[in-house]
């Protein structure tokens, strides 16, 4: 057991304790089960039978009182009431008797039940006989026999019932005594086993504590020795089990720590030299970083000026674009007006053509009027003297027709000339409309070109701003690098100081000189 590991020791100890606990619990369960079975038997049989016997006794007593009162009563109403009570109670007694007889199992109970059954039969037979005697008109004889015969039979019958109840009470008392005995014996067993478990657990706890505390003390001694800086001591580590492994591990830890301290001592000098070189390199890097930062600042200033110039060009291009857009809108409006003029000239031309047509109609009417006037003059000449007045009128009408025809021709000539001029004006207006459309197209192309120029200027502005931001970021990064170089220089100096502190700290450990030389080699 000395070479057992800790988990095995603890497992064995707790297994023994748990086995005792299981044994105690099992015994307690068995004893409680026995007590429970006895209690169930008591509640299921003896108590029920005792209650049935007691109920039988009460019913018999009540019916006995009713029977005696009935046999001695002279009131018909009271007699009827008592008869009903006797009938109901007798039915209940019969039911109780049947339940009780079904539960009886022992010979004593069966014999007593048979005796009760016989005595009840005798009692019921005698009661019915006396009731018949009273019904036959012999109440005095029935009352006399009640005292001399019925009461002794009733008392004997009731005594048997009480004997049955007493027998059941004895069984109840016996079962209760058995339950008490089982309880007492179970308690004794549990106390004895608990004491045994306590004693055995104490022994196991002492053994486990002793087996754990002693190796831990040795491990603490090694740890305290190493903590004091003494790495030259040798310790016994031949113990078995987990604590043997712990002691061997701490011995290996001491050897490893000795090797580590020796190597640290050898490395601190190299760290000091390297830190000095790092400090010198950081100073050179700091100087070059400052020069780079100055150049970036100048470049950033130039880029800011270029950005301002490009922004101004972009603003001018934007204004020119706006002017081109305005000109395009004006040209579009002019084209629209010219189109309206063309439409108006077309309407005038159409109206002039309609007037020419109307003048033609008037000219035709004048020609026909002239012919009619000529015909009227001819007819007036044929009429002689009677037609002279009509001839004068016809002559005047003919003159008017000729004048109308002449005027219509002149108007037609003027209207024709106007139509030709209107057609010529319409052609010129159409040509002006096409010219305006070409102007609008040219203005739109100029607007598009100016828009492209504006967009290109904006893109140039955005690109230059990004370049400016990048240069600014480079400047910031360079400044940060300069700060980092300064921090690195300070860190290198701090590293040198820490190396010196490390040398002083390692010098507090005491190691074997031979081991130190071996590790250094």
Protein backbone atom coordinates (compact mmCIF):
# COMPACT_ATOMS: atom_id res chain seq x y z
CA UNK A 1 0.00 0.00 0.00
CA UNK A 2 3.03 2.27 0.47
CA UNK A 3 3.67 2.32 -3.27
CA UNK A 4 0.04 2.98 -4.19
CA UNK A 5 -0.72 6.23 -5.95
CA UNK A 6 -2.94 8.83 -4.31
CA UNK A 7 -6.02 8.12 -6.40
CA UNK A 8 -5.78 4.43 -5.57
CA UNK A 9 -5.44 5.14 -1.85
CA UNK A 10 -8.33 7.58 -1.83
CA UNK A 11 -10.42 5.23 -3.95
CA UNK A 12 -9.80 2.28 -1.62
CA UNK A 13 -10.54 4.35 1.50
CA UNK A 14 -13.75 5.83 0.13
CA UNK A 15 -14.78 2.44 -1.25
CA UNK A 16 -14.60 0.91 2.24
CA UNK A 17 -16.54 3.81 3.75
CA UNK A 18 -19.12 3.70 0.97
CA UNK A 19 -19.46 -0.07 1.39
CA UNK A 20 -20.26 0.44 5.07
CA UNK A 21 -22.71 3.19 4.18
CA UNK A 22 -24.40 0.91 1.64
CA UNK A 23 -24.51 -1.89 4.22
CA UNK A 24 -26.08 0.41 6.80
CA UNK A 25 -28.54 1.76 4.25
CA UNK A 26 -29.43 -1.75 3.06
CA UNK A 27 -30.01 -3.01 6.58
CA UNK A 28 -32.09 0.07 7.36
CA UNK A 29 -34.14 -0.46 4.22
CA UNK A 30 -34.72 -4.13 5.08
CA UNK A 31 -35.79 -3.34 8.64
CA UNK A 32 -38.03 -0.51 7.44
CA UNK A 33 -39.50 -2.82 4.82
CA UNK A 34 -40.29 -5.41 7.50
CA UNK A 35 -41.86 -2.76 9.71
CA UNK A 36 -43.79 -1.45 6.73
CA UNK A 37 -45.12 -4.89 5.85
CA UNK A 38 -46.20 -5.47 9.44
CA UNK A 39 -47.86 -2.07 9.52
CA UNK A 40 -49.65 -2.77 6.24
CA UNK A 41 -50.83 -6.13 7.60
CA UNK A 42 -52.05 -4.42 10.73
CA UNK A 43 -53.93 -1.77 8.77
CA UNK A 44 -55.25 -4.24 6.19
CA UNK A 45 -56.49 -7.08 8.48
CA UNK A 46 -56.55 -6.65 12.24
CA UNK A 47 -57.74 -3.04 12.40
CA UNK A 48 -60.46 -3.65 9.80
CA UNK A 49 -61.67 -6.80 11.56
CA UNK A 50 -61.66 -5.04 14.93
CA UNK A 51 -63.69 -2.15 13.47
CA UNK A 52 -66.17 -4.59 11.87
CA UNK A 53 -66.57 -6.47 15.18
CA UNK A 54 -67.10 -3.19 17.04
CA UNK A 55 -69.67 -2.05 14.46
CA UNK A 56 -71.41 -5.44 14.81
CA UNK A 57 -71.49 -4.99 18.59
CA UNK A 58 -72.96 -1.48 18.32
CA UNK A 59 -75.60 -2.61 15.82
CA UNK A 60 -76.56 -5.59 17.97
CA UNK A 61 -76.83 -3.41 21.08
CA UNK A 62 -78.97 -0.86 19.23
CA UNK A 63 -81.25 -3.53 17.80
CA UNK A 64 -81.52 -5.20 21.22
CA UNK A 65 -82.72 -1.95 22.77
CA UNK A 66 -85.18 -1.40 19.91
CA UNK A 67 -86.49 -4.98 20.22
CA UNK A 68 -87.06 -4.69 23.97
CA UNK A 69 -88.76 -1.31 23.50
CA UNK A 70 -90.91 -2.71 20.71
CA UNK A 71 -92.03 -5.73 22.77
CA UNK A 72 -92.95 -3.51 25.73
CA UNK A 73 -94.45 -0.58 23.79
CA UNK A 74 -98.20 -0.09 23.33
CA UNK A 75 -98.01 2.83 20.87
CA UNK A 76 -98.53 1.67 17.30
CA UNK A 77 -96.58 4.62 15.83
CA UNK A 78 -93.56 3.93 18.03
CA UNK A 79 -93.77 0.25 17.18
CA UNK A 80 -93.70 0.98 13.45
CA UNK A 81 -90.71 3.29 13.88
CA UNK A 82 -88.83 0.67 15.93
CA UNK A 83 -89.59 -2.07 13.40
CA UNK A 84 -88.10 0.03 10.59
CA UNK A 85 -84.97 0.69 12.63
CA UNK A 86 -84.61 -3.01 13.47
CA UNK A 87 -84.96 -3.96 9.79
CA UNK A 88 -82.34 -1.45 8.60
CA UNK A 89 -79.87 -2.31 11.36
CA UNK A 90 -80.32 -6.06 10.81
CA UNK A 91 -79.45 -5.60 7.14
CA UNK A 92 -76.32 -3.65 8.11
CA UNK A 93 -75.35 -6.34 10.65
CA UNK A 94 -75.74 -9.04 7.99
CA UNK A 95 -73.46 -7.11 5.63
CA UNK A 96 -70.90 -6.54 8.39
CA UNK A 97 -71.06 -10.23 9.34
CA UNK A 98 -70.37 -11.25 5.72
CA UNK A 99 -67.37 -8.88 5.41
CA UNK A 100 -65.93 -10.12 8.69
CA UNK A 101 -66.38 -13.81 7.85
CA UNK A 102 -64.59 -13.28 4.50
CA UNK A 103 -61.54 -11.91 6.34
CA UNK A 104 -61.25 -14.59 9.05
CA UNK A 105 -58.44 -17.13 8.48
CA UNK A 106 -57.23 -18.53 11.84
CA UNK A 107 -59.00 -21.55 13.44
CA UNK A 108 -59.78 -19.54 16.57
CA UNK A 109 -61.43 -16.79 14.50
CA UNK A 110 -63.41 -19.30 12.45
CA UNK A 111 -64.64 -21.17 15.55
CA UNK A 112 -65.65 -17.95 17.26
CA UNK A 113 -67.38 -16.77 14.07
CA UNK A 114 -69.39 -20.01 13.88
CA UNK A 115 -70.43 -19.61 17.53
CA UNK A 116 -71.52 -16.01 16.89
CA UNK A 117 -73.47 -17.06 13.83
CA UNK A 118 -75.32 -19.77 15.83
CA UNK A 119 -76.11 -17.42 18.71
CA UNK A 120 -77.35 -14.77 16.31
CA UNK A 121 -79.66 -17.32 14.74
CA UNK A 122 -81.01 -18.27 18.18
CA UNK A 123 -81.49 -14.60 19.05
CA UNK A 124 -83.26 -13.75 15.78
CA UNK A 125 -85.48 -16.83 16.07
CA UNK A 126 -86.51 -15.96 19.64
CA UNK A 127 -87.08 -12.29 18.71
CA UNK A 128 -89.35 -13.19 15.82
CA UNK A 129 -91.25 -15.62 18.08
CA UNK A 130 -91.90 -12.92 20.67
CA UNK A 131 -92.91 -10.38 18.04
CA UNK A 132 -95.39 -12.91 16.64
CA UNK A 133 -96.68 -13.60 20.14
CA UNK A 134 -97.32 -9.88 20.65
CA UNK A 135 -98.94 -9.60 17.26
CA UNK A 136 -101.26 -12.48 18.20
CA UNK A 137 -102.61 -10.41 21.12
CA UNK A 138 -100.41 -11.61 23.97
CA UNK A 139 -98.29 -8.54 24.77
CA UNK A 140 -97.98 -9.36 28.48
CA UNK A 141 -96.61 -12.81 27.74
CA UNK A 142 -94.25 -11.34 25.16
CA UNK A 143 -93.01 -8.73 27.65
CA UNK A 144 -92.52 -11.40 30.30
CA UNK A 145 -90.53 -13.67 27.97
CA UNK A 146 -88.46 -10.68 26.93
CA UNK A 147 -87.05 -10.35 30.42
CA UNK A 148 -86.73 -14.05 31.14
CA UNK A 149 -85.51 -15.45 27.77
CA UNK A 150 -84.63 -12.74 25.22
CA UNK A 151 -82.28 -10.71 27.42
CA UNK A 152 -80.07 -13.71 28.39
CA UNK A 153 -79.84 -14.82 24.73
CA UNK A 154 -79.02 -11.24 23.64
CA UNK A 155 -76.32 -10.93 26.31
CA UNK A 156 -74.77 -14.25 25.26
CA UNK A 157 -74.86 -13.21 21.57
CA UNK A 158 -73.33 -9.78 22.31
CA UNK A 159 -70.67 -11.36 24.56
CA UNK A 160 -69.53 -13.52 21.64
CA UNK A 161 -69.27 -10.42 19.44
CA UNK A 162 -67.24 -8.63 22.12
CA UNK A 163 -65.02 -11.69 22.33
CA UNK A 164 -64.37 -11.41 18.57
CA UNK A 165 -63.49 -7.70 18.97
CA UNK A 166 -61.21 -8.54 21.90
CA UNK A 167 -59.48 -11.23 19.80
CA UNK A 168 -58.83 -8.70 17.04
CA UNK A 169 -57.53 -6.20 19.59
CA UNK A 170 -55.13 -8.89 20.87
CA UNK A 171 -53.88 -9.42 17.32
CA UNK A 172 -53.43 -5.66 16.91
CA UNK A 173 -51.43 -5.49 20.14
CA UNK A 174 -49.33 -8.49 19.05
CA UNK A 175 -48.57 -6.91 15.68
CA UNK A 176 -47.69 -3.60 17.33
CA UNK A 177 -45.32 -5.41 19.70
CA UNK A 178 -43.70 -7.18 16.74
CA UNK A 179 -43.27 -3.82 14.95
CA UNK A 180 -41.69 -2.32 18.07
CA UNK A 181 -39.33 -5.28 18.41
CA UNK A 182 -38.24 -5.00 14.79
CA UNK A 183 -37.72 -1.28 15.22
CA UNK A 184 -35.56 -1.77 18.31
CA UNK A 185 -33.45 -4.50 16.71
CA UNK A 186 -32.98 -2.42 13.54
CA UNK A 187 -31.92 0.59 15.58
CA UNK A 188 -29.34 -1.50 17.45
CA UNK A 189 -27.95 -2.89 14.19
CA UNK A 190 -27.75 0.59 12.66
CA UNK A 191 -26.02 2.05 15.71
CA UNK A 192 -23.47 -0.77 15.78
CA UNK A 193 -22.76 -0.49 12.07
CA UNK A 194 -22.54 3.32 12.30
CA UNK A 195 -20.01 3.03 15.13
CA UNK A 196 -18.05 0.48 13.11
CA UNK A 197 -18.12 2.74 10.05
CA UNK A 198 -17.01 5.71 12.15
CA UNK A 199 -14.09 3.78 13.64
CA UNK A 200 -13.01 2.29 10.33
CA UNK A 201 -13.39 5.66 8.59
CA UNK A 202 -11.26 7.32 11.26
CA UNK A 203 -8.51 4.71 10.79
CA UNK A 204 -8.62 5.09 7.02
CA UNK A 205 -8.58 8.91 7.31
CA UNK A 206 -5.55 8.72 9.64
CA UNK A 207 -3.69 6.40 7.27
CA UNK A 208 -4.52 8.55 4.25
CA UNK A 209 -3.54 11.75 6.06
CA UNK A 210 -0.26 10.23 7.21
CA UNK A 211 0.47 8.92 3.72
CA UNK A 212 -0.19 12.34 2.19
CA UNK A 213 1.17 14.81 4.76
CA UNK A 214 4.63 13.22 5.10
CA UNK A 215 5.50 13.33 1.37
CA UNK A 216 4.03 16.81 1.11
CA UNK A 217 6.35 17.90 3.93
CA UNK A 218 9.34 16.57 2.00
CA UNK A 219 8.13 18.35 -1.14
CA UNK A 220 7.70 21.59 0.86
CA UNK A 221 11.30 21.26 2.11
CA UNK A 222 12.56 20.99 -1.47
CA UNK A 223 10.40 23.93 -2.55
CA UNK A 224 11.56 26.12 0.35
CA UNK A 225 15.21 25.26 -0.36
CA UNK A 226 14.83 26.14 -4.03
CA UNK A 227 12.88 29.30 -3.12
CA UNK A 228 15.77 30.43 -0.92
CA UNK A 229 18.08 30.26 -3.97
CA UNK A 230 20.07 27.20 -2.89
CA UNK A 231 20.26 24.88 -5.90
CA UNK A 232 23.23 22.84 -4.66
CA UNK A 233 21.34 20.48 -2.32
CA UNK A 234 20.61 16.81 -3.09
CA UNK A 235 17.32 15.19 -1.99
CA UNK A 236 16.08 11.60 -1.65
CA UNK A 237 13.47 10.87 -4.32
CA UNK A 238 13.15 7.07 -4.13
CA UNK A 239 9.61 7.07 -2.74
CA UNK A 240 6.91 5.19 -4.74
CA UNK A 241 3.49 6.31 -5.89
CA UNK A 242 2.33 9.77 -6.86
CA UNK A 243 4.36 11.51 -4.18
CA UNK A 244 7.48 9.69 -5.35
CA UNK A 245 6.77 11.08 -8.79
CA UNK A 246 6.23 14.51 -7.21
CA UNK A 247 9.58 14.39 -5.40
CA UNK A 248 11.39 13.16 -8.50
CA UNK A 249 9.68 15.91 -10.50
CA UNK A 250 10.81 18.54 -8.00
CA UNK A 251 14.36 17.12 -8.15
CA UNK A 252 14.23 17.36 -11.93
CA UNK A 253 12.86 20.87 -11.51
CA UNK A 254 15.87 21.78 -9.38
CA UNK A 255 18.25 20.38 -12.00
CA UNK A 256 16.42 22.19 -14.78
CA UNK A 257 16.39 25.42 -12.79
CA UNK A 258 20.13 25.07 -12.16
CA UNK A 259 20.75 24.62 -15.87
CA UNK A 260 18.44 27.55 -16.63
CA UNK A 261 20.13 29.90 -14.17
CA UNK A 262 23.55 28.96 -15.52
CA UNK A 263 22.44 29.61 -19.07
CA UNK A 264 20.84 32.90 -18.06
CA UNK A 265 24.11 34.00 -16.50
CA UNK A 266 25.90 33.15 -19.74
CA UNK A 267 23.28 34.95 -21.85
CA UNK A 268 22.99 38.22 -19.92
CA UNK A 269 26.37 39.46 -21.14
CA UNK A 270 25.40 38.79 -24.75
CA UNK A 271 22.10 40.60 -24.13
CA UNK A 272 23.96 43.64 -22.79
CA UNK A 273 26.23 43.82 -25.86
CA UNK A 274 23.27 43.37 -28.21
CA UNK A 275 21.30 46.09 -26.40
CA UNK A 276 24.17 48.55 -26.88
CA UNK A 277 24.28 47.77 -30.61
CA UNK A 278 20.51 48.18 -30.84
CA UNK A 279 20.73 51.57 -29.14
CA UNK A 280 23.37 52.78 -31.63
CA UNK A 281 21.32 51.53 -34.60
CA UNK A 282 18.20 53.21 -33.22
CA UNK A 283 19.98 56.57 -33.00
CA UNK A 284 21.05 56.32 -36.68
CA UNK A 285 17.54 55.24 -37.68
CA UNK A 286 16.08 58.16 -35.73
CA UNK A 287 18.22 60.66 -37.66
CA UNK A 288 17.22 59.23 -41.05
CA UNK A 289 13.58 59.10 -40.04
CA UNK A 290 13.64 62.78 -39.13
CA UNK A 291 15.09 63.62 -42.58
CA UNK A 292 12.38 61.55 -44.27
CA UNK A 293 9.71 63.31 -42.21
CA UNK A 294 11.03 66.73 -43.33
CA UNK A 295 10.92 65.68 -47.01
CA UNK A 296 7.39 64.39 -46.63
CA UNK A 297 6.29 67.67 -45.05
CA UNK A 298 7.61 69.60 -48.09
CA UNK A 299 5.90 67.17 -50.47
CA UNK A 300 2.66 67.51 -48.53
CA UNK A 301 2.83 71.33 -48.83
CA UNK A 302 3.34 71.08 -52.62
CA UNK A 303 0.46 68.65 -52.95
CA UNK A 304 -1.78 71.03 -51.01
CA UNK A 305 -0.98 73.83 -53.50
CA UNK A 306 -1.64 71.48 -56.43
CA UNK A 307 -4.89 70.40 -54.83
CA UNK A 308 -5.98 74.03 -54.49
CA UNK A 309 -5.18 74.71 -58.19
CA UNK A 310 -7.06 71.63 -59.38
CA UNK A 311 -10.03 72.54 -57.21
CA UNK A 312 -10.08 76.03 -58.80
CA UNK A 313 -9.99 74.48 -62.30
CA UNK A 314 -12.80 72.15 -61.31
CA UNK A 315 -14.85 75.12 -60.06
CA UNK A 316 -14.26 77.01 -63.35
CA UNK A 317 -15.22 73.93 -65.37
CA UNK A 318 -18.33 73.56 -63.25
CA UNK A 319 -19.30 77.22 -63.93
CA UNK A 320 -18.64 76.79 -67.68
CA UNK A 321 -20.76 73.67 -67.62
CA UNK A 322 -23.57 75.61 -65.96
CA UNK A 323 -23.31 78.36 -68.65
CA UNK A 324 -23.36 75.72 -71.41
CA UNK A 325 -26.41 74.15 -69.84
CA UNK A 326 -28.11 77.58 -69.73
CA UNK A 327 -27.21 78.21 -73.40
CA UNK A 328 -28.56 74.80 -74.30
CA UNK A 329 -31.81 75.62 -72.56
CA UNK A 330 -32.05 79.01 -74.41
CA UNK A 331 -31.32 77.30 -77.76
CA UNK A 332 -33.97 74.72 -77.05
CA UNK A 333 -36.45 77.49 -76.28
CA UNK A 334 -35.47 79.31 -79.56
CA UNK A 335 -35.95 76.10 -81.52
CA UNK A 336 -39.36 75.72 -79.93
CA UNK A 337 -40.32 79.31 -80.90
CA UNK A 338 -39.13 78.78 -84.49
CA UNK A 339 -41.16 75.60 -84.65
CA UNK A 340 -44.20 77.57 -83.52
CA UNK A 341 -43.52 80.23 -86.23
CA UNK A 342 -43.25 77.48 -88.85
CA UNK A 343 -46.57 76.12 -87.71
CA UNK A 344 -48.12 79.64 -87.85
CA UNK A 345 -46.79 80.26 -91.38
CA UNK A 346 -48.23 76.95 -92.45
CA UNK A 347 -51.61 78.01 -91.08
CA UNK A 348 -51.40 81.38 -92.93
CA UNK A 349 -50.45 79.60 -96.17
CA UNK A 350 -53.43 77.26 -95.81
CA UNK A 351 -55.77 80.23 -95.12
CA UNK A 352 -54.44 82.09 -98.20
CA UNK A 353 -55.12 79.08 -100.37
CA UNK A 354 -58.67 78.98 -99.05
CA UNK A 355 -59.10 82.71 -99.89
CA UNK A 356 -57.85 82.05 -103.44
CA UNK A 357 -60.45 79.36 -103.76
CA UNK A 358 -63.15 81.73 -102.49
CA UNK A 359 -62.07 84.46 -104.98
CA UNK A 360 -62.30 81.86 -107.73
CA UNK A 361 -65.85 81.15 -106.69
CA UNK A 362 -66.66 84.91 -106.70
CA UNK A 363 -65.10 85.26 -110.18
CA UNK A 364 -67.28 82.40 -111.41
CA UNK A 365 -70.37 83.99 -109.94
CA UNK A 366 -69.51 87.34 -111.62
CA UNK A 367 -69.01 85.58 -114.97
CA UNK A 368 -72.35 83.84 -114.69
CA UNK A 369 -74.00 87.13 -113.62
CA UNK A 370 -72.52 88.82 -116.71
CA UNK A 371 -73.93 86.10 -118.95
CA UNK A 372 -77.32 86.35 -117.29
CA UNK A 373 -77.31 90.18 -117.74
CA UNK A 374 -76.38 89.72 -121.40
CA UNK A 375 -79.24 87.30 -121.86
CA UNK A 376 -81.58 89.74 -120.08
CA UNK A 377 -80.51 92.58 -122.44
CA UNK A 378 -81.18 90.38 -125.45
CA UNK A 379 -84.61 89.51 -124.14
CA UNK A 380 -85.31 93.22 -123.37
CA UNK A 381 -84.38 94.15 -126.94
CA UNK A 382 -86.80 91.56 -128.21
CA UNK A 383 -89.50 93.03 -125.99
CA UNK A 384 -89.17 96.45 -127.61
CA UNK A 385 -90.54 99.44 -125.77
CA UNK A 386 -91.72 97.36 -122.89
CA UNK A 387 -88.33 95.97 -122.23
CA UNK A 388 -86.34 99.19 -122.25
CA UNK A 389 -86.40 99.61 -118.45
CA UNK A 390 -85.42 96.01 -117.97
CA UNK A 391 -82.62 96.50 -120.52
CA UNK A 392 -81.26 99.43 -118.49
CA UNK A 393 -81.27 97.30 -115.33
CA UNK A 394 -79.64 94.41 -117.13
CA UNK A 395 -76.97 96.77 -118.42
CA UNK A 396 -76.23 98.00 -114.90
CA UNK A 397 -76.10 94.45 -113.60
CA UNK A 398 -73.72 93.50 -116.38
CA UNK A 399 -71.50 96.49 -115.50
CA UNK A 400 -71.48 95.45 -111.84
CA UNK A 401 -70.66 91.87 -112.79
CA UNK A 402 -67.78 93.01 -114.96
CA UNK A 403 -66.48 95.26 -112.17
CA UNK A 404 -66.80 92.40 -109.67
CA UNK A 405 -64.94 90.09 -112.01
CA UNK A 406 -62.23 92.68 -112.49
CA UNK A 407 -61.91 93.23 -108.71
CA UNK A 408 -61.85 89.48 -108.08
CA UNK A 409 -59.04 89.06 -110.60
CA UNK A 410 -57.03 91.82 -108.90
CA UNK A 411 -57.66 90.27 -105.46
CA UNK A 412 -56.73 86.85 -106.80
CA UNK A 413 -53.53 88.29 -108.22
CA UNK A 414 -52.68 89.93 -104.86
CA UNK A 415 -53.60 86.80 -102.88
CA UNK A 416 -51.51 84.64 -105.22
CA UNK A 417 -48.56 86.94 -104.70
CA UNK A 418 -49.15 86.76 -100.90
CA UNK A 419 -49.31 82.96 -101.05
CA UNK A 420 -46.01 82.82 -102.92
CA UNK A 421 -44.42 85.13 -100.35
CA UNK A 422 -45.91 83.11 -97.48
CA UNK A 423 -44.52 79.90 -99.02
CA UNK A 424 -41.12 81.52 -99.40
CA UNK A 425 -41.29 82.74 -95.75
CA UNK A 426 -42.34 79.27 -94.61
CA UNK A 427 -39.31 77.76 -96.40
CA UNK A 428 -37.03 80.33 -94.76
CA UNK A 429 -38.60 79.69 -91.34
CA UNK A 430 -38.15 75.91 -91.85
CA UNK A 431 -34.52 76.50 -92.76
CA UNK A 432 -34.19 78.65 -89.59
CA UNK A 433 -35.77 75.79 -87.56
CA UNK A 434 -33.22 73.30 -88.91
CA UNK A 435 -30.45 75.77 -88.17
CA UNK A 436 -31.76 76.16 -84.58
CA UNK A 437 -31.84 72.36 -84.20
CA UNK A 438 -28.21 72.19 -85.33
CA UNK A 439 -27.39 74.96 -82.85
CA UNK A 440 -29.21 73.06 -80.07
CA UNK A 441 -27.31 69.86 -80.95
CA UNK A 442 -24.00 71.73 -80.95
CA UNK A 443 -24.81 73.35 -77.61
CA UNK A 444 -25.75 69.95 -76.18
CA UNK A 445 -22.46 68.46 -77.40
CA UNK A 446 -20.64 71.40 -75.83
CA UNK A 447 -22.62 70.80 -72.62
CA UNK A 448 -21.69 67.10 -72.65
CA UNK A 449 -18.03 67.92 -73.24
CA UNK A 450 -18.11 70.48 -70.41
CA UNK A 451 -19.79 67.86 -68.18
CA UNK A 452 -17.04 65.38 -69.00
CA UNK A 453 -14.43 68.05 -68.31
CA UNK A 454 -16.15 68.82 -64.99
CA UNK A 455 -16.30 65.12 -64.06
CA UNK A 456 -12.64 64.66 -65.03
CA UNK A 457 -11.71 67.71 -62.94
CA UNK A 458 -13.64 66.30 -59.99
CA UNK A 459 -11.91 62.93 -60.40
CA UNK A 460 -8.55 64.71 -60.58
CA UNK A 461 -9.47 66.65 -57.46
CA UNK A 462 -10.51 63.44 -55.69
CA UNK A 463 -7.34 61.64 -56.80
CA UNK A 464 -5.10 64.51 -55.71
CA UNK A 465 -6.95 64.69 -52.38
CA UNK A 466 -6.37 60.94 -51.91
CA UNK A 467 -2.69 61.42 -52.79
CA UNK A 468 -2.57 64.32 -50.35
CA UNK A 469 -4.21 62.18 -47.66
CA UNK A 470 -1.78 59.34 -48.40
CA UNK A 471 1.17 61.72 -48.10
CA UNK A 472 -0.32 63.10 -44.88
CA UNK A 473 -0.72 59.57 -43.56
CA UNK A 474 2.85 58.78 -44.64
CA UNK A 475 3.95 61.89 -42.80
CA UNK A 476 2.02 60.78 -39.72
CA UNK A 477 3.41 57.25 -40.01
CA UNK A 478 6.91 58.63 -40.41
CA UNK A 479 6.43 60.77 -37.32
CA UNK A 480 5.05 57.76 -35.50
CA UNK A 481 8.04 55.74 -36.70
CA UNK A 482 10.29 58.45 -35.37
CA UNK A 483 8.48 58.27 -32.05
CA UNK A 484 8.75 54.48 -32.12
CA UNK A 485 12.46 54.74 -32.87
CA UNK A 486 12.84 57.00 -29.86
CA UNK A 487 10.81 54.55 -27.80
CA UNK A 488 12.92 51.67 -29.16
CA UNK A 489 16.05 53.55 -28.19
CA UNK A 490 14.66 54.08 -24.72
CA UNK A 491 13.61 50.43 -24.65
CA UNK A 492 17.14 49.35 -25.67
CA UNK A 493 18.56 51.40 -22.85
CA UNK A 494 15.98 49.93 -20.50
CA UNK A 495 16.88 46.47 -21.84
CA UNK A 496 20.49 47.06 -20.95
CA UNK A 497 19.47 48.12 -17.46
CA UNK A 498 17.21 45.06 -17.16
CA UNK A 499 20.10 42.84 -18.29
CA UNK A 500 22.23 44.27 -15.51
CA UNK A 501 19.37 43.71 -13.06
CA UNK A 502 19.00 40.14 -14.35
CA UNK A 503 22.68 39.47 -13.74
CA UNK A 504 22.32 40.73 -10.21
CA UNK A 505 19.11 38.69 -9.71
CA UNK A 506 20.64 35.45 -11.03
CA UNK A 507 23.68 35.94 -8.85
CA UNK A 508 21.43 35.31 -5.83
CA UNK A 509 21.16 31.60 -6.78
CA UNK A 510 23.72 29.24 -5.31
CA UNK A 511 24.78 26.53 -7.75
CA UNK A 512 27.52 23.93 -7.96
CA UNK A 513 30.59 25.33 -9.70
CA UNK A 514 31.25 22.09 -11.59
CA UNK A 515 27.71 22.10 -12.99
CA UNK A 516 28.08 25.73 -14.02
CA UNK A 517 31.30 25.00 -15.92
CA UNK A 518 29.73 21.95 -17.61
CA UNK A 519 26.71 23.95 -18.77
CA UNK A 520 28.88 26.82 -20.02
CA UNK A 521 31.00 24.38 -22.05
